[in-house]
N, C-alpha and C. Protein backbone atom coordinates (compact mmCIF):
# COMPACT_ATOMS: atom_id res chain seq x y z
N MET A 1 1.01 -1.20 0.66
CA MET A 1 -0.35 0.02 0.10
C MET A 1 0.84 1.01 0.13
N GLN A 2 2.07 1.42 0.57
CA GLN A 2 3.11 2.37 0.62
C GLN A 2 3.51 2.76 -0.65
N ARG A 3 3.63 1.27 -1.06
CA ARG A 3 4.47 1.72 -2.80
C ARG A 3 3.68 2.75 -4.17
N ILE A 4 2.02 2.00 -3.62
CA ILE A 4 1.20 2.52 -3.93
C ILE A 4 0.48 3.99 -4.26
N LYS A 5 0.89 4.65 -2.93
CA LYS A 5 1.19 5.98 -2.26
C LYS A 5 2.01 6.62 -2.91
N MET A 6 3.10 6.15 -3.02
CA MET A 6 4.53 7.07 -3.07
C MET A 6 4.40 7.09 -4.47
N SER A 7 4.00 5.83 -5.17
CA SER A 7 3.46 5.82 -6.63
C SER A 7 2.49 7.38 -7.25
N ALA A 8 1.69 7.06 -6.67
CA ALA A 8 0.70 8.29 -6.85
C ALA A 8 1.35 9.78 -6.71
N ALA A 9 2.12 9.97 -5.56
CA ALA A 9 2.53 10.89 -5.25
C ALA A 9 3.72 11.68 -6.15
N LEU A 10 4.48 10.76 -6.50
CA LEU A 10 5.33 10.58 -7.88
C LEU A 10 4.70 11.19 -9.04
N VAL A 11 3.80 10.58 -9.48
CA VAL A 11 3.13 10.61 -10.40
C VAL A 11 2.38 12.23 -10.26
N PHE A 12 1.67 12.19 -9.54
CA PHE A 12 1.24 13.52 -8.76
C PHE A 12 2.28 14.93 -9.60
N ALA A 13 3.42 14.95 -8.53
CA ALA A 13 4.81 15.76 -8.37
C ALA A 13 5.13 15.88 -10.02
N GLY A 14 4.79 14.62 -11.00
CA GLY A 14 5.38 15.10 -12.05
C GLY A 14 4.41 15.93 -12.84
N ALA A 15 2.99 15.29 -12.79
CA ALA A 15 2.42 16.20 -13.26
C ALA A 15 2.50 17.74 -13.54
N LEU A 16 2.84 18.00 -12.00
CA LEU A 16 2.61 18.94 -11.50
C LEU A 16 3.87 20.26 -11.74
N LEU A 17 4.84 19.59 -12.71
CA LEU A 17 6.18 19.71 -12.65
C LEU A 17 6.10 19.89 -14.89
N LEU A 18 5.30 19.15 -14.72
CA LEU A 18 5.13 19.66 -16.29
C LEU A 18 4.14 20.34 -16.94
N SER A 19 2.93 20.27 -15.56
CA SER A 19 1.98 21.79 -16.38
C SER A 19 2.55 23.43 -15.90
N GLY A 20 3.68 23.45 -15.36
CA GLY A 20 4.12 24.60 -14.62
C GLY A 20 3.62 25.14 -13.47
N CYS A 21 2.85 24.52 -13.20
CA CYS A 21 2.44 25.04 -11.98
C CYS A 21 3.64 24.66 -10.61
N ALA A 22 4.01 24.41 -10.42
CA ALA A 22 5.56 23.86 -9.43
C ALA A 22 6.75 25.21 -9.99
N ALA A 23 6.51 24.51 -11.08
CA ALA A 23 8.17 25.64 -12.04
C ALA A 23 7.25 26.85 -11.90
N GLY A 24 6.55 27.39 -11.77
CA GLY A 24 5.93 28.65 -11.43
C GLY A 24 6.09 29.57 -10.07
N GLY A 25 7.44 28.34 -9.19
CA GLY A 25 7.05 29.00 -7.81
C GLY A 25 5.93 28.85 -7.16
N GLY A 26 4.54 28.78 -7.19
CA GLY A 26 3.61 29.10 -6.83
C GLY A 26 3.15 30.57 -6.28
N ASN A 27 3.85 31.52 -7.06
CA ASN A 27 3.66 32.79 -6.62
C ASN A 27 2.70 33.41 -7.50
N GLY A 28 2.65 32.63 -8.73
CA GLY A 28 1.77 33.25 -10.11
C GLY A 28 2.45 34.05 -10.73
N ASP A 29 3.84 33.83 -10.66
CA ASP A 29 5.20 34.21 -11.64
C ASP A 29 5.23 32.54 -12.40
N ALA A 30 4.53 33.06 -13.72
CA ALA A 30 5.08 32.01 -14.84
C ALA A 30 6.57 32.15 -15.28
N SER A 31 7.62 31.48 -15.22
CA SER A 31 9.05 31.09 -15.44
C SER A 31 8.80 30.78 -17.50
N PRO A 32 10.07 30.94 -17.22
CA PRO A 32 9.98 30.92 -19.15
C PRO A 32 10.14 29.63 -19.53
N ASP A 33 10.27 28.20 -18.55
CA ASP A 33 10.08 26.75 -18.68
C ASP A 33 8.45 26.35 -19.03
N ALA A 34 7.60 27.27 -18.32
CA ALA A 34 7.05 26.91 -17.34
C ALA A 34 5.70 27.62 -19.00
N CYS A 35 6.15 28.72 -19.30
CA CYS A 35 5.96 29.53 -20.57
C CYS A 35 5.70 28.45 -21.82
N GLU A 36 7.15 27.79 -21.81
CA GLU A 36 6.94 26.81 -23.37
C GLU A 36 5.92 25.70 -22.49
N THR A 37 5.97 25.16 -21.99
CA THR A 37 5.14 23.80 -21.70
C THR A 37 3.79 24.36 -21.87
N VAL A 38 3.30 25.32 -20.90
CA VAL A 38 1.62 26.01 -21.76
C VAL A 38 1.47 26.62 -23.21
N ARG A 39 2.26 26.84 -23.77
CA ARG A 39 2.43 27.30 -24.61
C ARG A 39 2.23 25.48 -25.79
N ALA A 40 3.30 24.24 -25.41
CA ALA A 40 3.25 23.31 -26.33
C ALA A 40 2.01 22.72 -25.95
N GLU A 41 1.05 22.58 -24.80
CA GLU A 41 -0.12 22.07 -24.28
C GLU A 41 -1.62 22.61 -25.23
N VAL A 42 -1.79 24.23 -25.40
CA VAL A 42 -2.26 24.80 -25.85
C VAL A 42 -2.43 24.48 -27.25
N ARG A 43 -0.69 24.26 -27.92
CA ARG A 43 -1.20 23.91 -29.27
C ARG A 43 -1.55 22.59 -30.02
N ASP A 44 -1.14 21.77 -29.29
CA ASP A 44 -1.87 20.39 -28.69
C ASP A 44 -3.09 20.58 -28.73
N ILE A 45 -3.42 21.48 -27.79
CA ILE A 45 -5.05 21.36 -27.82
C ILE A 45 -5.98 22.03 -29.21
N SER A 46 -5.26 23.50 -29.02
CA SER A 46 -5.55 24.09 -30.92
C SER A 46 -5.24 23.21 -31.79
N ASN A 47 -4.10 22.67 -32.70
CA ASN A 47 -4.34 21.33 -33.43
C ASN A 47 -5.07 20.32 -33.55
N GLY A 48 -5.59 20.04 -32.20
CA GLY A 48 -5.98 18.28 -32.20
C GLY A 48 -7.28 18.73 -32.43
N ALA A 49 -8.35 20.03 -31.81
CA ALA A 49 -9.45 21.00 -32.30
C ALA A 49 -9.77 21.23 -33.28
N GLN A 50 -8.74 21.57 -34.01
CA GLN A 50 -9.52 22.17 -35.30
C GLN A 50 -8.39 20.43 -36.88
N ASN A 51 -8.12 20.15 -36.19
CA ASN A 51 -8.24 19.01 -36.97
C ASN A 51 -9.40 18.34 -37.06
N ALA A 52 -10.05 17.80 -35.67
CA ALA A 52 -10.81 16.98 -35.48
C ALA A 52 -12.50 17.86 -36.52
N LEU A 53 -12.18 19.18 -36.10
CA LEU A 53 -13.66 19.59 -36.98
C LEU A 53 -13.29 19.47 -38.52
N ALA A 54 -11.76 19.54 -38.90
CA ALA A 54 -11.34 19.65 -40.12
C ALA A 54 -11.69 18.24 -40.75
N ALA A 55 -11.34 16.75 -40.21
CA ALA A 55 -11.84 15.73 -40.02
C ALA A 55 -13.38 15.05 -40.30
N GLY A 56 -14.19 15.31 -39.50
CA GLY A 56 -15.11 15.37 -40.08
C GLY A 56 -15.40 14.02 -39.30
N GLY A 57 -16.51 12.90 -40.06
CA GLY A 57 -16.77 12.10 -39.36
C GLY A 57 -18.19 12.03 -38.32
N ASP A 58 -17.97 10.85 -37.82
CA ASP A 58 -19.68 10.85 -37.00
C ASP A 58 -19.61 12.22 -35.60
N PRO A 59 -20.22 13.02 -36.32
CA PRO A 59 -20.89 14.20 -35.43
C PRO A 59 -20.24 13.40 -33.27
N SER A 60 -20.80 12.81 -32.91
CA SER A 60 -20.69 12.44 -31.45
C SER A 60 -19.31 12.16 -31.21
N GLU A 61 -18.54 11.40 -31.88
CA GLU A 61 -17.73 10.89 -32.00
C GLU A 61 -16.30 12.60 -32.37
N VAL A 62 -16.99 13.49 -32.66
CA VAL A 62 -16.35 14.84 -32.57
C VAL A 62 -16.36 15.87 -31.56
N GLN A 63 -17.66 16.13 -31.78
CA GLN A 63 -18.43 16.65 -30.35
C GLN A 63 -17.40 15.61 -29.08
N SER A 64 -17.18 15.10 -28.90
CA SER A 64 -16.35 14.10 -27.86
C SER A 64 -15.06 14.46 -27.38
N SER A 65 -14.36 15.02 -29.13
CA SER A 65 -13.01 14.98 -29.54
C SER A 65 -12.96 16.55 -28.45
N LEU A 66 -13.78 17.46 -29.24
CA LEU A 66 -13.96 18.57 -29.05
C LEU A 66 -13.91 19.00 -26.96
N GLU A 67 -15.07 18.24 -26.59
CA GLU A 67 -14.99 18.39 -25.12
C GLU A 67 -14.11 18.17 -24.33
N GLY A 68 -13.56 16.81 -25.30
CA GLY A 68 -11.83 16.27 -24.31
C GLY A 68 -11.35 17.11 -24.27
N TYR A 69 -10.96 18.48 -25.58
CA TYR A 69 -10.20 19.34 -25.01
C TYR A 69 -10.63 20.11 -24.41
N SER A 70 -11.62 20.96 -24.69
CA SER A 70 -12.11 21.66 -23.60
C SER A 70 -12.12 21.38 -21.90
N GLU A 71 -12.19 20.65 -21.52
CA GLU A 71 -11.26 19.15 -20.80
C GLU A 71 -10.55 20.06 -20.05
N ARG A 72 -8.94 19.62 -21.04
CA ARG A 72 -7.56 19.85 -20.90
C ARG A 72 -7.41 21.25 -20.79
N ALA A 73 -7.77 21.85 -21.25
CA ALA A 73 -7.90 23.35 -21.62
C ALA A 73 -8.23 24.17 -19.75
N ALA A 74 -9.56 24.13 -19.73
CA ALA A 74 -10.00 24.10 -18.77
C ALA A 74 -9.01 24.23 -17.29
N ALA A 75 -8.17 22.51 -17.56
CA ALA A 75 -7.11 21.90 -15.96
C ALA A 75 -6.18 22.76 -16.75
N LEU A 76 -5.77 23.16 -18.13
CA LEU A 76 -4.37 24.25 -17.75
C LEU A 76 -4.78 25.11 -16.98
N GLY A 77 -5.52 26.35 -17.18
CA GLY A 77 -6.29 27.09 -16.31
C GLY A 77 -6.15 27.00 -14.96
N GLU A 78 -6.42 25.93 -14.66
CA GLU A 78 -6.66 25.74 -13.46
C GLU A 78 -5.58 25.19 -12.45
N GLU A 79 -4.44 25.15 -13.39
CA GLU A 79 -2.76 24.68 -13.09
C GLU A 79 -2.03 25.45 -12.90
N ASN A 80 -2.94 27.07 -13.37
CA ASN A 80 -1.11 27.80 -14.12
C ASN A 80 -2.58 29.23 -14.20
N GLU A 81 -2.45 29.56 -13.03
CA GLU A 81 -3.20 31.04 -12.78
C GLU A 81 -2.83 31.95 -13.78
N ASP A 82 -1.53 31.86 -13.98
CA ASP A 82 -1.14 33.35 -15.17
C ASP A 82 -2.55 33.19 -16.45
N VAL A 83 -2.58 31.93 -16.96
CA VAL A 83 -3.61 31.88 -17.94
C VAL A 83 -5.27 32.14 -17.70
N ALA A 84 -5.52 31.02 -16.85
CA ALA A 84 -7.01 31.07 -16.29
C ALA A 84 -7.89 31.65 -16.99
N ASP A 85 -7.48 33.61 -17.06
CA ASP A 85 -8.76 34.22 -17.70
C ASP A 85 -8.56 33.64 -19.36
N SER A 86 -7.22 32.87 -19.85
CA SER A 86 -7.44 33.13 -21.42
C SER A 86 -7.73 31.91 -21.54
N ALA A 87 -7.88 31.16 -21.21
CA ALA A 87 -8.18 29.32 -20.85
C ALA A 87 -9.17 29.27 -20.70
N GLU A 88 -10.37 30.18 -20.23
CA GLU A 88 -11.35 30.22 -19.68
C GLU A 88 -12.09 30.35 -21.54
N THR A 89 -11.25 31.72 -22.37
CA THR A 89 -12.38 32.10 -23.36
C THR A 89 -11.49 30.72 -24.30
N LEU A 90 -10.92 30.09 -24.33
CA LEU A 90 -10.18 28.97 -25.42
C LEU A 90 -11.40 27.75 -24.96
N VAL A 91 -10.76 27.45 -23.59
CA VAL A 91 -12.48 26.69 -23.46
C VAL A 91 -13.69 27.02 -23.99
N GLY A 92 -14.69 28.11 -23.65
CA GLY A 92 -15.42 28.89 -24.51
C GLY A 92 -15.10 28.55 -25.77
N ALA A 93 -14.23 28.53 -26.64
CA ALA A 93 -14.41 28.57 -28.25
C ALA A 93 -14.83 27.60 -27.99
N LEU A 94 -13.99 26.00 -27.70
CA LEU A 94 -13.52 24.65 -28.20
C LEU A 94 -15.78 24.63 -27.92
N ASP A 95 -16.09 25.28 -26.42
CA ASP A 95 -17.62 24.75 -26.57
C ASP A 95 -18.43 24.89 -26.85
N GLU A 96 -18.64 25.74 -27.59
CA GLU A 96 -18.94 26.34 -28.46
C GLU A 96 -18.93 25.60 -29.73
N ALA A 97 -17.54 25.24 -30.22
CA ALA A 97 -17.23 24.08 -32.18
C ALA A 97 -17.47 22.85 -31.19
N ALA A 98 -18.54 22.29 -30.05
CA ALA A 98 -18.53 20.86 -30.00
C ALA A 98 -19.87 20.84 -29.72
N ALA A 99 -20.99 22.15 -29.64
CA ALA A 99 -22.09 22.55 -29.77
C ALA A 99 -22.70 22.27 -31.34
N PHE A 100 -22.04 23.14 -31.88
CA PHE A 100 -21.48 22.91 -33.25
C PHE A 100 -21.86 22.14 -34.06
N ALA A 101 -20.54 20.89 -33.52
CA ALA A 101 -20.94 19.99 -34.61
C ALA A 101 -21.51 18.79 -33.44
N GLU A 102 -22.50 18.97 -32.59
CA GLU A 102 -23.19 18.24 -32.45
C GLU A 102 -24.94 18.25 -33.53
N THR A 103 -24.12 19.49 -34.28
CA THR A 103 -25.71 19.84 -35.82
C THR A 103 -24.91 19.63 -36.71
N LEU A 104 -23.64 18.46 -36.91
CA LEU A 104 -22.89 17.89 -37.88
C LEU A 104 -23.78 16.99 -38.74
N PRO A 105 -23.99 16.78 -40.09
CA PRO A 105 -24.97 15.56 -40.23
C PRO A 105 -24.03 14.44 -40.43
N THR A 106 -24.95 13.33 -39.92
CA THR A 106 -24.49 11.97 -39.94
C THR A 106 -24.96 11.51 -41.40
N ASP A 107 -24.69 11.66 -42.21
CA ASP A 107 -24.16 11.12 -43.06
C ASP A 107 -22.89 11.34 -44.26
N PRO A 108 -22.24 10.97 -44.38
CA PRO A 108 -21.00 11.32 -44.87
C PRO A 108 -21.03 11.92 -46.03
N GLU A 109 -22.07 12.09 -46.37
CA GLU A 109 -22.13 12.35 -48.42
C GLU A 109 -22.67 13.92 -48.00
N ALA A 110 -23.66 13.90 -46.59
CA ALA A 110 -23.96 15.45 -47.10
C ALA A 110 -23.18 16.56 -46.79
N GLU A 111 -23.69 17.79 -46.77
CA GLU A 111 -22.42 18.85 -47.37
C GLU A 111 -22.67 19.61 -45.73
N VAL A 112 -21.45 19.54 -45.43
CA VAL A 112 -21.30 20.60 -45.15
C VAL A 112 -20.78 22.08 -44.38
N ASP A 113 -21.16 23.03 -43.50
CA ASP A 113 -21.29 24.36 -43.84
C ASP A 113 -19.33 24.40 -42.99
N ALA A 114 -18.95 24.94 -44.69
CA ALA A 114 -17.16 25.15 -44.41
C ALA A 114 -16.94 26.14 -44.07
N GLU A 115 -18.17 27.07 -44.16
CA GLU A 115 -17.34 28.74 -43.38
C GLU A 115 -17.39 28.53 -41.81
N ALA A 116 -18.91 27.37 -41.94
CA ALA A 116 -19.09 27.61 -39.96
C ALA A 116 -17.94 26.88 -39.20
N VAL A 117 -17.28 25.75 -40.63
CA VAL A 117 -16.02 25.48 -40.00
C VAL A 117 -14.90 25.79 -39.75
N ALA A 118 -14.58 26.75 -39.96
CA ALA A 118 -13.58 28.08 -40.48
C ALA A 118 -13.87 28.46 -39.20
N GLU A 119 -15.25 29.03 -39.28
CA GLU A 119 -14.79 30.20 -37.93
C GLU A 119 -14.73 29.46 -37.07
N HIS A 120 -15.06 28.13 -36.43
CA HIS A 120 -14.62 27.56 -35.34
C HIS A 120 -13.49 27.07 -35.15
N GLN A 121 -12.84 26.96 -35.65
CA GLN A 121 -11.07 26.59 -36.40
C GLN A 121 -10.75 27.80 -35.95
N THR A 122 -10.50 29.51 -36.37
CA THR A 122 -10.36 30.18 -35.81
C THR A 122 -10.58 31.13 -34.68
N ALA A 123 -11.62 30.72 -34.12
CA ALA A 123 -12.13 31.03 -32.79
C ALA A 123 -11.49 30.43 -31.88
N ILE A 124 -10.72 29.32 -32.22
CA ILE A 124 -10.13 27.50 -31.18
C ILE A 124 -8.98 28.40 -31.49
N GLN A 125 -7.90 29.42 -33.23
CA GLN A 125 -7.07 29.22 -32.78
C GLN A 125 -6.88 30.91 -32.22
N GLU A 126 -7.19 31.39 -32.09
CA GLU A 126 -7.63 32.43 -31.86
C GLU A 126 -7.20 32.74 -29.93
N ALA A 127 -8.04 32.18 -29.92
CA ALA A 127 -7.96 31.94 -28.17
C ALA A 127 -6.82 31.72 -27.95
N ALA A 128 -6.21 30.67 -28.48
CA ALA A 128 -4.89 29.58 -27.95
C ALA A 128 -3.86 30.38 -27.72
N ALA A 129 -3.88 31.87 -28.66
CA ALA A 129 -2.48 32.09 -29.22
C ALA A 129 -2.78 33.42 -28.00
N GLU A 130 -4.00 33.54 -27.00
CA GLU A 130 -3.72 33.89 -26.26
C GLU A 130 -3.06 34.05 -25.12
N VAL A 131 -3.71 32.35 -24.66
CA VAL A 131 -3.43 31.98 -23.51
C VAL A 131 -1.84 31.98 -23.77
N GLY A 132 -1.10 31.20 -24.90
CA GLY A 132 0.26 31.59 -25.27
C GLY A 132 0.69 33.12 -24.38
N ASP A 133 0.14 33.57 -25.34
CA ASP A 133 0.64 35.59 -24.80
C ASP A 133 0.35 35.56 -23.35
N ALA A 134 -0.87 35.62 -22.14
CA ALA A 134 -0.99 35.70 -22.01
C ALA A 134 0.03 34.92 -20.57
N CYS A 135 0.45 34.18 -20.70
CA CYS A 135 1.80 33.72 -20.31
C CYS A 135 3.07 34.24 -20.29
N THR A 136 3.24 34.30 -22.03
CA THR A 136 4.37 35.36 -21.73
C THR A 136 4.69 36.60 -21.57
N ALA A 137 3.22 37.42 -21.66
CA ALA A 137 3.26 38.69 -20.95
C ALA A 137 3.49 38.82 -19.18
N ASP A 138 3.37 37.61 -18.75
CA ASP A 138 3.61 37.62 -17.47
C ASP A 138 4.56 37.34 -16.94
N ALA A 139 5.60 36.14 -17.97
CA ALA A 139 6.81 35.69 -17.82
C ALA A 139 7.49 36.96 -17.53
N GLN A 140 7.24 37.76 -18.72
CA GLN A 140 8.12 39.05 -19.15
C GLN A 140 8.17 40.14 -17.94
N GLY A 141 7.06 40.13 -17.25
CA GLY A 141 6.82 41.53 -16.34
C GLY A 141 5.60 41.28 -15.52
């Protein structure tokens, strides 16, 4: 039992380090390394969400993917107070895209509103850029 607790504690500590929470010193100041971790995570979220929208397919799977990315963005904001507000904006863009995905046609031959897909992709990309910018701005000053 002791071994399981120790392993769980090590995994949790590692997750904090990777998220930038521990690297920021806990005082709200994001270090450059913590910001790079945030930027990498938000880039992964943004790219994955945009690709899910572009790939189409089963609307419920697209929606589920987008909801997963939204959860990851929310966790990022909870783990790093420097980007909490901008992460909330990203969560909003992802949630709107997930709601849109619910309206996609189930017939693979049906026409999809490409303009609406592009609008959601752009909103996600812009919100993701805000998260990276927020961390960079806090780290610099």
